[in-house]
C-alpha atoms as a PDB file:
ATOM      1  CA  MET A   1       4.855  18.310  -9.033  1.00  0.00           C
ATOM      2  CA  ILE A   2       5.294  14.597  -8.439  1.00  0.00           C
ATOM      3  CA  CYS A   3       2.305  12.285  -8.478  1.00  0.00           C
ATOM      4  CA  VAL A   4       2.296   8.656  -7.353  1.00  0.00           C
ATOM      5  CA  ILE A   5      -0.556   6.286  -8.204  1.00  0.00           C
ATOM      6  CA  SER A   6      -0.820   2.887  -6.557  1.00  0.00           C
ATOM      7  CA  GLN A   7      -3.506   0.358  -5.689  1.00  0.00           C
ATOM      8  CA  PRO A   8      -4.780   0.226  -2.086  1.00  0.00           C
ATOM      9  CA  THR A   9      -2.736  -2.685  -0.803  1.00  0.00           C
ATOM     10  CA  PHE A  10      -3.690  -4.462   2.414  1.00  0.00           C
ATOM     11  CA  LEU A  11      -1.041  -3.640   5.057  1.00  0.00           C
ATOM     12  CA  PRO A  12       1.501  -2.453   2.427  1.00  0.00           C
ATOM     13  CA  TRP A  13       5.232  -3.125   2.465  1.00  0.00           C
ATOM     14  CA  LEU A  14       7.846  -0.419   3.002  1.00  0.00           C
ATOM     15  CA  GLY A  15       8.272   0.359  -0.688  1.00  0.00           C
ATOM     16  CA  TRP A  16       4.609   1.357  -0.998  1.00  0.00           C
ATOM     17  CA  PHE A  17       5.043   3.942   1.732  1.00  0.00           C
ATOM     18  CA  ASP A  18       8.379   5.161   0.397  1.00  0.00           C
ATOM     19  CA  LEU A  19       6.616   5.914  -2.892  1.00  0.00           C
ATOM     20  CA  ALA A  20       3.966   7.898  -1.059  1.00  0.00           C
ATOM     21  CA  ASP A  21       6.606   9.749   0.946  1.00  0.00           C
ATOM     22  CA  GLN A  22       8.347  10.995  -2.209  1.00  0.00           C
ATOM     23  CA  SER A  23       5.205  12.347  -3.865  1.00  0.00           C
ATOM     24  CA  ASP A  24       3.364  15.635  -3.614  1.00  0.00           C
ATOM     25  CA  LYS A  25       0.064  13.826  -4.151  1.00  0.00           C
ATOM     26  CA  MET A  26      -0.665  10.137  -3.760  1.00  0.00           C
ATOM     27  CA  VAL A  27      -3.588   8.654  -5.668  1.00  0.00           C
ATOM     28  CA  VAL A  28      -5.057   5.430  -4.332  1.00  0.00           C
ATOM     29  CA  LEU A  29      -6.079   3.551  -7.471  1.00  0.00           C
ATOM     30  CA  ASP A  30      -9.369   2.077  -6.287  1.00  0.00           C
ATOM     31  CA  ASP A  31     -11.204   2.331  -9.638  1.00  0.00           C
ATOM     32  CA  VAL A  32      -9.489  -0.639 -11.322  1.00  0.00           C
ATOM     33  CA  ALA A  33     -10.385  -4.333 -11.326  1.00  0.00           C
ATOM     34  CA  PHE A  34      -9.962  -6.352  -8.169  1.00  0.00           C
ATOM     35  CA  SER A  35      -7.504  -9.245  -8.454  1.00  0.00           C
ATOM     36  CA  LYS A  36      -8.218 -12.267  -6.281  1.00  0.00           C
ATOM     37  CA  GLN A  37      -5.448 -13.422  -3.935  1.00  0.00           C
ATOM     38  CA  SER A  38      -3.351 -10.369  -4.745  1.00  0.00           C
ATOM     39  CA  TRP A  39      -1.745  -7.783  -2.455  1.00  0.00           C
ATOM     40  CA  GLN A  40      -5.101  -6.001  -2.582  1.00  0.00           C
ATOM     41  CA  GLN A  41      -6.492  -8.438  -0.016  1.00  0.00           C
ATOM     42  CA  ARG A  42      -3.479  -9.957   1.723  1.00  0.00           C
ATOM     43  CA  ASN A  43       0.056  -9.355   2.935  1.00  0.00           C
ATOM     44  CA  GLN A  44       2.775 -11.014   4.981  1.00  0.00           C
ATOM     45  CA  ILE A  45       3.966 -10.697   8.555  1.00  0.00           C
ATOM     46  CA  ARG A  46       7.112 -12.181  10.116  1.00  0.00           C
ATOM     47  CA  THR A  47       6.433 -15.211  12.292  1.00  0.00           C
ATOM     48  CA  GLN A  48       8.677 -17.844  13.865  1.00  0.00           C
ATOM     49  CA  ASN A  49       7.934 -19.965  10.776  1.00  0.00           C
ATOM     50  CA  GLY A  50       8.937 -17.266   8.302  1.00  0.00           C
ATOM     51  CA  LEU A  51       6.682 -14.947   6.333  1.00  0.00           C
ATOM     52  CA  GLU A  52       2.996 -15.854   6.593  1.00  0.00           C
ATOM     53  CA  TYR A  53      -0.078 -14.285   5.027  1.00  0.00           C
ATOM     54  CA  LEU A  54      -2.860 -12.333   6.666  1.00  0.00           C
ATOM     55  CA  SER A  55      -5.853 -12.275   4.310  1.00  0.00           C
ATOM     56  CA  VAL A  56      -9.162 -10.448   4.082  1.00  0.00           C
ATOM     57  CA  PRO A  57     -11.967 -12.720   2.797  1.00  0.00           C
ATOM     58  CA  VAL A  58     -13.699 -10.976  -0.122  1.00  0.00           C
ATOM     59  CA  LYS A  59     -16.880 -11.812  -2.035  1.00  0.00           C
ATOM     60  CA  THR A  60     -15.981 -12.832  -5.587  1.00  0.00           C
ATOM     61  CA  ALA A  61     -18.593 -15.395  -6.708  1.00  0.00           C
ATOM     62  CA  GLY A  62     -20.751 -13.932  -9.476  1.00  0.00           C
ATOM     63  CA  ARG A  63     -18.731 -10.706  -9.471  1.00  0.00           C
ATOM     64  CA  PRO A  64     -16.284 -10.986 -12.385  1.00  0.00           C
ATOM     65  CA  GLY A  65     -14.424  -7.771 -13.108  1.00  0.00           C
ATOM     66  CA  GLN A  66     -15.594  -5.984  -9.980  1.00  0.00           C
ATOM     67  CA  LYS A  67     -13.603  -2.894  -9.081  1.00  0.00           C
ATOM     68  CA  ILE A  68     -11.617  -2.618  -5.869  1.00  0.00           C
ATOM     69  CA  THR A  69     -13.963   0.074  -4.593  1.00  0.00           C
ATOM     70  CA  ASP A  70     -16.918  -2.330  -4.920  1.00  0.00           C
ATOM     71  CA  CYS A  71     -15.364  -5.290  -3.068  1.00  0.00           C
ATOM     72  CA  GLU A  72     -17.229  -6.444   0.006  1.00  0.00           C
ATOM     73  CA  ILE A  73     -15.912  -8.728   2.705  1.00  0.00           C
ATOM     74  CA  VAL A  74     -17.466 -12.146   3.271  1.00  0.00           C
ATOM     75  CA  ASP A  75     -18.108 -11.434   6.955  1.00  0.00           C
ATOM     76  CA  SER A  76     -16.441  -9.603   9.816  1.00  0.00           C
ATOM     77  CA  SER A  77     -15.539 -12.627  11.912  1.00  0.00           C
ATOM     78  CA  PHE A  78     -12.041 -12.871  10.408  1.00  0.00           C
ATOM     79  CA  VAL A  79     -10.922  -9.774  12.292  1.00  0.00           C
ATOM     80  CA  VAL A  80     -10.901 -11.547  15.663  1.00  0.00           C
ATOM     81  CA  LYS A  81      -8.524 -14.243  14.421  1.00  0.00           C
ATOM     82  CA  MET A  82      -6.400 -11.679  12.568  1.00  0.00           C
ATOM     83  CA  ASN A  83      -5.925  -9.543  15.676  1.00  0.00           C
ATOM     84  CA  LYS A  84      -5.016 -12.642  17.680  1.00  0.00           C
ATOM     85  CA  THR A  85      -2.499 -13.703  15.027  1.00  0.00           C
ATOM     86  CA  ILE A  86      -0.824 -10.290  15.100  1.00  0.00           C
ATOM     87  CA  ALA A  87      -0.713 -10.362  18.903  1.00  0.00           C
ATOM     88  CA  ALA A  88       0.661 -13.913  19.004  1.00  0.00           C
ATOM     89  CA  ASN A  89       3.573 -12.999  16.729  1.00  0.00           C
ATOM     90  CA  TYR A  90       4.375  -9.495  17.963  1.00  0.00           C
ATOM     91  CA  SER A  91       3.482  -9.438  21.674  1.00  0.00           C
ATOM     92  CA  LYS A  92       7.186  -9.365  22.562  1.00  0.00           C
ATOM     93  CA  ALA A  93       8.083  -6.726  19.980  1.00  0.00           C
ATOM     94  CA  ARG A  94       9.458  -3.577  21.588  1.00  0.00           C
ATOM     95  CA  TYR A  95       6.647  -1.287  20.414  1.00  0.00           C
ATOM     96  CA  PHE A  96       3.761  -3.744  20.432  1.00  0.00           C
ATOM     97  CA  ASP A  97       2.144  -2.388  23.589  1.00  0.00           C
ATOM     98  CA  ALA A  98       2.373   1.190  22.321  1.00  0.00           C
ATOM     99  CA  ASN A  99       0.569   0.380  19.066  1.00  0.00           C
ATOM    100  CA  TYR A 100      -1.539  -2.752  19.248  1.00  0.00           C
ATOM    101  CA  GLU A 101      -4.722  -1.400  20.815  1.00  0.00           C
ATOM    102  CA  GLU A 102      -4.886   1.464  18.325  1.00  0.00           C
ATOM    103  CA  LEU A 103      -4.171  -0.887  15.434  1.00  0.00           C
ATOM    104  CA  ALA A 104      -6.835  -3.385  16.530  1.00  0.00           C
ATOM    105  CA  THR A 105      -9.389  -0.608  16.945  1.00  0.00           C
ATOM    106  CA  THR A 106      -8.577   0.852  13.526  1.00  0.00           C
ATOM    107  CA  LEU A 107      -8.971  -2.549  11.892  1.00  0.00           C
ATOM    108  CA  SER A 108     -12.189  -3.406  13.713  1.00  0.00           C
ATOM    109  CA  GLN A 109     -13.829  -0.077  12.907  1.00  0.00           C
ATOM    110  CA  ALA A 110     -12.861  -0.354   9.242  1.00  0.00           C
ATOM    111  CA  VAL A 111     -14.206  -3.905   9.006  1.00  0.00           C
ATOM    112  CA  SER A 112     -17.601  -2.648  10.187  1.00  0.00           C
ATOM    113  CA  THR A 113     -17.964  -0.832   6.828  1.00  0.00           C
ATOM    114  CA  ASN A 114     -17.978  -4.227   5.082  1.00  0.00           C
ATOM    115  CA  ARG A 115     -15.739  -2.851   2.296  1.00  0.00           C
ATOM    116  CA  LEU A 116     -12.199  -3.870   1.407  1.00  0.00           C
ATOM    117  CA  VAL A 117     -11.175  -0.391   0.273  1.00  0.00           C
ATOM    118  CA  GLU A 118     -12.181   1.111   3.622  1.00  0.00           C
ATOM    119  CA  ILE A 119     -10.158  -1.517   5.486  1.00  0.00           C
ATOM    120  CA  ASN A 120      -7.092  -0.940   3.335  1.00  0.00           C
ATOM    121  CA  CYS A 121      -7.284   2.843   3.350  1.00  0.00           C
ATOM    122  CA  SER A 122      -7.873   3.031   7.102  1.00  0.00           C
ATOM    123  CA  LEU A 123      -4.843   0.865   7.785  1.00  0.00           C
ATOM    124  CA  ILE A 124      -2.761   2.798   5.240  1.00  0.00           C
ATOM    125  CA  SER A 125      -3.635   6.079   6.963  1.00  0.00           C
ATOM    126  CA  TRP A 126      -2.735   4.659  10.374  1.00  0.00           C
ATOM    127  CA  MET A 127       0.570   3.233   9.134  1.00  0.00           C
ATOM    128  CA  ALA A 128       1.464   6.414   7.240  1.00  0.00           C
ATOM    129  CA  LYS A 129       1.029   8.388  10.448  1.00  0.00           C
ATOM    130  CA  LYS A 130       3.367   6.007  12.283  1.00  0.00           C
ATOM    131  CA  LEU A 131       5.934   6.403   9.475  1.00  0.00           C
ATOM    132  CA  GLU A 132       5.577  10.207   9.605  1.00  0.00           C
ATOM    133  CA  ILE A 133       4.267  10.465   6.053  1.00  0.00           C
ATOM    134  CA  THR A 134       2.111  13.540   5.446  1.00  0.00           C
ATOM    135  CA  THR A 135       1.469  13.253   1.700  1.00  0.00           C
ATOM    136  CA  PRO A 136      -2.202  13.912   0.799  1.00  0.00           C
ATOM    137  CA  MET A 137      -3.901  10.711  -0.393  1.00  0.00           C
ATOM    138  CA  ILE A 138      -6.722  10.923  -2.934  1.00  0.00           C
ATOM    139  CA  ARG A 139      -8.950   8.077  -4.100  1.00  0.00           C
ATOM    140  CA  ALA A 140      -9.136   7.700  -7.870  1.00  0.00           C
ATOM    141  CA  THR A 141     -12.898   7.186  -7.696  1.00  0.00           C
ATOM    142  CA  THR A 142     -13.287  10.796  -6.543  1.00  0.00           C
ATOM    143  CA  LEU A 143     -11.561  12.140  -9.666  1.00  0.00           C
ATOM    144  CA  GLY A 144     -13.869  10.689 -12.320  1.00  0.00           C
ATOM    145  CA  VAL A 145     -11.033  10.170 -14.818  1.00  0.00           C
ATOM    146  CA  GLY A 146     -11.483   7.666 -17.659  1.00  0.00           C
ATOM    147  CA  GLY A 147      -9.120   5.739 -19.892  1.00  0.00           C
ATOM    148  CA  GLU A 148      -7.356   2.400 -19.637  1.00  0.00           C
ATOM    149  CA  ARG A 149      -3.952   1.428 -18.329  1.00  0.00           C
ATOM    150  CA  GLY A 150      -1.299   4.103 -19.039  1.00  0.00           C
ATOM    151  CA  GLU A 151      -3.878   6.480 -20.535  1.00  0.00           C
ATOM    152  CA  HIS A 152      -5.835   6.336 -17.285  1.00  0.00           C
ATOM    153  CA  VAL A 153      -2.746   6.962 -15.160  1.00  0.00           C
ATOM    154  CA  ALA A 154      -1.576   9.845 -17.369  1.00  0.00           C
ATOM    155  CA  ALA A 155      -5.035  11.426 -17.279  1.00  0.00           C
ATOM    156  CA  ILE A 156      -5.062  11.239 -13.476  1.00  0.00           C
ATOM    157  CA  CYS A 157      -1.680  12.970 -13.323  1.00  0.00           C
ATOM    158  CA  GLN A 158      -2.929  15.671 -15.676  1.00  0.00           C
ATOM    159  CA  SER A 159      -6.095  16.211 -13.625  1.00  0.00           C
ATOM    160  CA  LEU A 160      -3.943  16.932 -10.577  1.00  0.00           C
ATOM    161  CA  GLY A 161      -1.528  19.230 -12.411  1.00  0.00           C
ATOM    162  CA  ALA A 162       1.436  16.860 -12.090  1.00  0.00           C
ATOM    163  CA  ASP A 163       4.394  17.100 -14.461  1.00  0.00           C
ATOM    164  CA  GLN A 164       6.187  14.052 -13.046  1.00  0.00           C
ATOM    165  CA  TYR A 165       4.874  10.552 -12.408  1.00  0.00           C
ATOM    166  CA  LEU A 166       6.752   8.248 -10.036  1.00  0.00           C
ATOM    167  CA  SER A 167       5.743   4.654 -10.703  1.00  0.00           C
ATOM    168  CA  PRO A 168       6.138   1.355  -8.864  1.00  0.00           C
ATOM    169  CA  ALA A 169       8.864  -0.697 -10.561  1.00  0.00           C
ATOM    170  CA  GLY A 170       6.461  -3.470 -11.508  1.00  0.00           C
ATOM    171  CA  ALA A 171       4.617  -1.241 -13.966  1.00  0.00           C
ATOM    172  CA  GLU A 172       7.639  -0.335 -16.070  1.00  0.00           C
ATOM    173  CA  SER A 173       6.919  -2.671 -18.997  1.00  0.00           C
ATOM    174  CA  TYR A 174       3.472  -1.276 -19.748  1.00  0.00           C
ATOM    175  CA  LEU A 175       4.587   2.291 -19.106  1.00  0.00           C
ATOM    176  CA  VAL A 176       7.238   1.967 -21.809  1.00  0.00           C
ATOM    177  CA  GLU A 177       4.472   0.970 -24.236  1.00  0.00           C
ATOM    178  CA  ASP A 178       2.085   3.671 -23.035  1.00  0.00           C
ATOM    179  CA  LYS A 179       4.674   6.458 -22.757  1.00  0.00           C
ATOM    180  CA  PRO A 180       3.056   8.497 -25.587  1.00  0.00           C
ATOM    181  CA  ALA A 181       0.052   9.120 -23.307  1.00  0.00           C
ATOM    182  CA  PHE A 182       2.394  10.884 -20.898  1.00  0.00           C
ATOM    183  CA  ASP A 183       4.437  12.622 -23.586  1.00  0.00           C
ATOM    184  CA  ARG A 184       1.313  14.256 -25.021  1.00  0.00           C
ATOM    185  CA  ARG A 185       0.645  15.770 -21.626  1.00  0.00           C
ATOM    186  CA  GLY A 186       4.214  16.836 -20.899  1.00  0.00           C
ATOM    187  CA  ILE A 187       4.561  14.401 -18.005  1.00  0.00           C
ATOM    188  CA  MET A 188       7.906  12.756 -17.273  1.00  0.00           C
ATOM    189  CA  ILE A 189       7.891   9.157 -15.985  1.00  0.00           C
ATOM    190  CA  PHE A 190      10.238   7.953 -13.266  1.00  0.00           C
ATOM    191  CA  ILE A 191      10.606   4.465 -11.800  1.00  0.00           C
ATOM    192  CA  HIS A 192      10.799   3.945  -8.060  1.00  0.00           C
ATOM    193  CA  VAL A 193      14.038   2.327  -6.894  1.00  0.00           C
ATOM    194  CA  TYR A 194      14.119   0.834  -3.411  1.00  0.00           C
ATOM    195  CA  GLU A 195      16.491  -1.511  -1.587  1.00  0.00           C
ATOM    196  CA  HIS A 196      14.854  -3.054   1.442  1.00  0.00           C
ATOM    197  CA  PRO A 197      16.688  -1.981   4.629  1.00  0.00           C
ATOM    198  CA  GLU A 198      17.554  -4.511   7.305  1.00  0.00           C
ATOM    199  CA  TYR A 199      16.448  -3.980  10.903  1.00  0.00           C
ATOM    200  CA  THR A 200      15.878  -5.968  14.085  1.00  0.00           C
ATOM    201  CA  GLN A 201      12.917  -8.334  13.815  1.00  0.00           C
ATOM    202  CA  GLN A 202      11.426 -10.592  16.453  1.00  0.00           C
ATOM    203  CA  PHE A 203      12.809 -13.680  14.795  1.00  0.00           C
ATOM    204  CA  LYS A 204      16.060 -14.485  13.012  1.00  0.00           C
ATOM    205  CA  PRO A 205      17.281 -14.416  10.323  1.00  0.00           C
ATOM    206  CA  PHE A 206      15.999 -11.124   8.972  1.00  0.00           C
ATOM    207  CA  MET A 207      13.403 -11.544   6.231  1.00  0.00           C
ATOM    208  CA  PRO A 208      12.559  -8.582   3.972  1.00  0.00           C
ATOM    209  CA  PHE A 209       9.264  -7.746   2.263  1.00  0.00           C
ATOM    210  CA  ALA A 210       6.939  -8.183   5.208  1.00  0.00           C
ATOM    211  CA  SER A 211       4.206  -5.620   5.757  1.00  0.00           C
ATOM    212  CA  ALA A 212       5.482  -2.283   7.067  1.00  0.00           C
ATOM    213  CA  LEU A 213       3.550  -3.209  10.206  1.00  0.00           C
ATOM    214  CA  ASP A 214       6.545  -5.388  11.099  1.00  0.00           C
ATOM    215  CA  LEU A 215       8.846  -2.368  11.126  1.00  0.00           C
ATOM    216  CA  ILE A 216       6.366  -0.226  13.073  1.00  0.00           C
ATOM    217  CA  LEU A 217       5.896  -2.773  15.852  1.00  0.00           C
ATOM    218  CA  ASN A 218       9.603  -3.505  16.124  1.00  0.00           C
ATOM    219  CA  LEU A 219      11.122  -0.024  15.843  1.00  0.00           C
ATOM    220  CA  GLY A 220       8.312   2.374  16.765  1.00  0.00           C
ATOM    221  CA  PRO A 221       9.338   6.050  16.407  1.00  0.00           C
ATOM    222  CA  ALA A 222      12.419   5.091  14.363  1.00  0.00           C
ATOM    223  CA  ALA A 223      10.344   3.280  11.713  1.00  0.00           C
ATOM    224  CA  GLY A 224      10.090   6.202   9.302  1.00  0.00           C
ATOM    225  CA  GLU A 225      13.821   6.863   9.381  1.00  0.00           C
ATOM    226  CA  VAL A 226      14.596   3.206   8.701  1.00  0.00           C
ATOM    227  CA  MET A 227      12.076   3.086   5.851  1.00  0.00           C
ATOM    228  CA  ARG A 228      13.802   6.008   4.143  1.00  0.00           C
ATOM    229  CA  LYS A 229      17.196   4.284   4.303  1.00  0.00           C
ATOM    230  CA  GLY A 230      16.072   2.031   1.460  1.00  0.00           C
ATOM    231  CA  ARG A 231      15.437   4.917  -0.911  1.00  0.00           C
ATOM    232  CA  ARG A 232      17.562   5.200  -4.031  1.00  0.00           C
ATOM    233  CA  PRO A 233      17.471   7.863  -6.799  1.00  0.00           C
ATOM    234  CA  MET A 234      14.422   7.492  -9.026  1.00  0.00           C
ATOM    235  CA  ARG A 235      15.160   6.351 -12.575  1.00  0.00           C
ATOM    236  CA  PRO A 236      13.697   8.123 -15.614  1.00  0.00           C
ATOM    237  CA  ILE A 237      12.075   6.289 -18.524  1.00  0.00           C
ATOM    238  CA  GLY A 238      13.152   7.579 -21.909  1.00  0.00           C
END
C-alpha cells in the first residue's frame, strides 16, 4: 500500500496532485510548523506579465513555531481581490465560465472559517475533483502520531498500514538520513519523478509550475489526462 504525505499547499501545482493520484492514501501534513511566505500560503498563476503570486494573509506576529493547523488569516477581505485577480487573468480561458462561480464560492466559504488549513484543503478537494483524483485524503492532526522529521513520516505510514512511501523530490536529502526509521518498519521509500507537461495557456510562451488551477481553467475535462502525462516511474531510495 502506497502512502503519500505532503503539506497542504495553497492552490497546489500539478506535481502535488500527481503524487496524490499515485497513492492509496494521501496524508495532508497539517501538524508541522508553518513557514511564512512558503507554498503553504501562496502560489502562482499565469498572467500576461508571467507567473504572479496569489497569497493568503496569515497572522504570524507573536506566533513563532505555530503549526499549519493553527494558522489564522488576517481578515477575509483579501478574497474579493483574489477572485477579481483570477477573473481578470482567466476570463477568456476556455473553461473559465464552467468553473469560476464554483471556485469563487468554494474559496469564499472556506475563508469564512478564518483558518488557512480549511482554505487550502477546500481548494485541494475542489481541484482534485476536477482532475478526477479519488484518493482518500487524511489530515495528520487526526492521526495523533508523534516524532520528528523522518520518524514522524515513517510513523504515519505505519499507522495507516503502508509498506511504501512515495515522497516529494524535495525531501530526498533528509529521507536518506532518516531511512533507518523506515527500514525498522519495513517501509520502502520512493521518490516522485515528474516532468511538467506543456499545454495551451492563455498567454505565450508556455510557463510551467503555475498552480494546477491554470490547467483546470484552460483545459477543463482534459486536465486530469494532461496532468498524468508528466508522470515518470518513481525512483527507490536505497
